[in-house]
Amino acid sequence: MALVLQHLNRVDNIQKTIDDSAEKILEQIDLNKLLENTKPYLESVATAFLSQHRDTIRDGLKAGKDFADKVVQTI
């Protein structure tokens, strides 16, 4: 059970980092540009978000792999 709780705490911390940044991005969206050229604008915002959070996303992937490895070891 401790293994699951540790994993959930790690994931919660990563999720908080992403959520905080997502809120900042949402505040900065230019509605005029969004309405003028929706797809390219959203693609540029998404690309910026992903490039800023590449390390955080990798941390999340590593957390999932670590958890899976530990679960397999306990079986």
C-alpha atoms as a PDB file:
ATOM      1  CA  MET A   1       0.000   0.000   0.000  1.00  0.00           C
ATOM      2  CA  ALA A   2       2.869   2.362   0.782  1.00  0.00           C
ATOM      3  CA  LEU A   3       4.160   1.846  -2.746  1.00  0.00           C
ATOM      4  CA  VAL A   4       0.869   3.032  -4.223  1.00  0.00           C
ATOM      5  CA  LEU A   5       0.695   6.055  -1.909  1.00  0.00           C
ATOM      6  CA  GLN A   6       4.264   7.071  -2.762  1.00  0.00           C
ATOM      7  CA  HIS A   7       3.481   6.802  -6.448  1.00  0.00           C
ATOM      8  CA  LEU A   8       0.282   8.823  -6.108  1.00  0.00           C
ATOM      9  CA  ASN A   9       2.142  11.567  -4.206  1.00  0.00           C
ATOM     10  CA  ARG A  10       4.785  11.713  -6.931  1.00  0.00           C
ATOM     11  CA  VAL A  11       2.139  11.907  -9.639  1.00  0.00           C
ATOM     12  CA  ASP A  12       0.230  14.578  -7.699  1.00  0.00           C
ATOM     13  CA  ASN A  13       3.353  16.766  -7.552  1.00  0.00           C
ATOM     14  CA  ILE A  14       3.942  16.406 -11.278  1.00  0.00           C
ATOM     15  CA  GLN A  15       0.267  17.109 -12.004  1.00  0.00           C
ATOM     16  CA  LYS A  16       0.370  20.273  -9.871  1.00  0.00           C
ATOM     17  CA  THR A  17       3.335  21.579 -11.860  1.00  0.00           C
ATOM     18  CA  ILE A  18       1.493  21.012 -15.140  1.00  0.00           C
ATOM     19  CA  ASP A  19      -1.800  22.447 -13.839  1.00  0.00           C
ATOM     20  CA  ASP A  20      -0.129  25.620 -12.539  1.00  0.00           C
ATOM     21  CA  SER A  21       1.510  26.244 -15.878  1.00  0.00           C
ATOM     22  CA  ALA A  22      -1.651  25.442 -17.812  1.00  0.00           C
ATOM     23  CA  GLU A  23      -3.497  28.120 -15.846  1.00  0.00           C
ATOM     24  CA  LYS A  24      -0.802  30.659 -16.747  1.00  0.00           C
ATOM     25  CA  ILE A  25      -1.076  29.765 -20.426  1.00  0.00           C
ATOM     26  CA  LEU A  26      -4.861  30.017 -20.373  1.00  0.00           C
ATOM     27  CA  GLU A  27      -4.590  33.526 -18.925  1.00  0.00           C
ATOM     28  CA  GLN A  28      -2.327  34.582 -21.797  1.00  0.00           C
ATOM     29  CA  ILE A  29      -4.404  33.292 -24.719  1.00  0.00           C
ATOM     30  CA  ASP A  30      -5.144  36.055 -27.198  1.00  0.00           C
ATOM     31  CA  LEU A  31      -8.778  35.526 -28.179  1.00  0.00           C
ATOM     32  CA  ASN A  32      -8.447  37.654 -31.303  1.00  0.00           C
ATOM     33  CA  LYS A  33      -5.583  35.515 -32.622  1.00  0.00           C
ATOM     34  CA  LEU A  34      -7.423  32.382 -31.567  1.00  0.00           C
ATOM     35  CA  LEU A  35     -10.517  33.367 -33.519  1.00  0.00           C
ATOM     36  CA  GLU A  36      -8.569  34.623 -36.550  1.00  0.00           C
ATOM     37  CA  ASN A  37      -6.450  31.542 -37.050  1.00  0.00           C
ATOM     38  CA  THR A  38      -7.577  28.862 -34.621  1.00  0.00           C
ATOM     39  CA  LYS A  39      -5.609  25.766 -35.593  1.00  0.00           C
ATOM     40  CA  PRO A  40      -2.171  27.375 -36.110  1.00  0.00           C
ATOM     41  CA  TYR A  41      -2.597  29.458 -32.964  1.00  0.00           C
ATOM     42  CA  LEU A  42      -3.519  26.448 -30.808  1.00  0.00           C
ATOM     43  CA  GLU A  43      -0.681  24.439 -32.316  1.00  0.00           C
ATOM     44  CA  SER A  44       1.798  27.168 -31.401  1.00  0.00           C
ATOM     45  CA  VAL A  45       0.447  27.394 -27.843  1.00  0.00           C
ATOM     46  CA  ALA A  46       0.590  23.607 -27.468  1.00  0.00           C
ATOM     47  CA  THR A  47       4.126  23.470 -28.861  1.00  0.00           C
ATOM     48  CA  ALA A  48       5.262  26.168 -26.423  1.00  0.00           C
ATOM     49  CA  PHE A  49       3.618  24.333 -23.516  1.00  0.00           C
ATOM     50  CA  LEU A  50       5.204  21.004 -24.431  1.00  0.00           C
ATOM     51  CA  SER A  51       8.650  22.510 -24.913  1.00  0.00           C
ATOM     52  CA  GLN A  52       8.436  24.237 -21.520  1.00  0.00           C
ATOM     53  CA  HIS A  53       7.357  21.020 -19.806  1.00  0.00           C
ATOM     54  CA  ARG A  54       9.384  18.409 -21.608  1.00  0.00           C
ATOM     55  CA  ASP A  55      11.316  17.574 -18.416  1.00  0.00           C
ATOM     56  CA  THR A  56       8.143  17.405 -16.314  1.00  0.00           C
ATOM     57  CA  ILE A  57       6.514  15.096 -18.841  1.00  0.00           C
ATOM     58  CA  ARG A  58       9.604  12.891 -18.787  1.00  0.00           C
ATOM     59  CA  ASP A  59       9.429  12.856 -14.973  1.00  0.00           C
ATOM     60  CA  GLY A  60       5.848  11.615 -15.236  1.00  0.00           C
ATOM     61  CA  LEU A  61       6.851   8.887 -17.653  1.00  0.00           C
ATOM     62  CA  LYS A  62       9.695   7.825 -15.367  1.00  0.00           C
ATOM     63  CA  ALA A  63       7.347   7.784 -12.357  1.00  0.00           C
ATOM     64  CA  GLY A  64       4.991   5.453 -14.190  1.00  0.00           C
ATOM     65  CA  LYS A  65       7.782   3.135 -15.279  1.00  0.00           C
ATOM     66  CA  ASP A  66       9.300   3.079 -11.776  1.00  0.00           C
ATOM     67  CA  PHE A  67       5.928   2.254 -10.271  1.00  0.00           C
ATOM     68  CA  ALA A  68       5.285  -0.534 -12.782  1.00  0.00           C
ATOM     69  CA  ASP A  69       8.730  -2.016 -12.126  1.00  0.00           C
ATOM     70  CA  LYS A  70       8.131  -2.000  -8.358  1.00  0.00           C
ATOM     71  CA  VAL A  71       4.699  -3.592  -8.756  1.00  0.00           C
ATOM     72  CA  VAL A  72       6.165  -6.343 -10.914  1.00  0.00           C
ATOM     73  CA  GLN A  73       8.941  -6.933  -8.357  1.00  0.00           C
ATOM     74  CA  THR A  74       6.393  -7.435  -5.573  1.00  0.00           C
ATOM     75  CA  ILE A  75       4.413 -10.050  -7.504  1.00  0.00           C
END
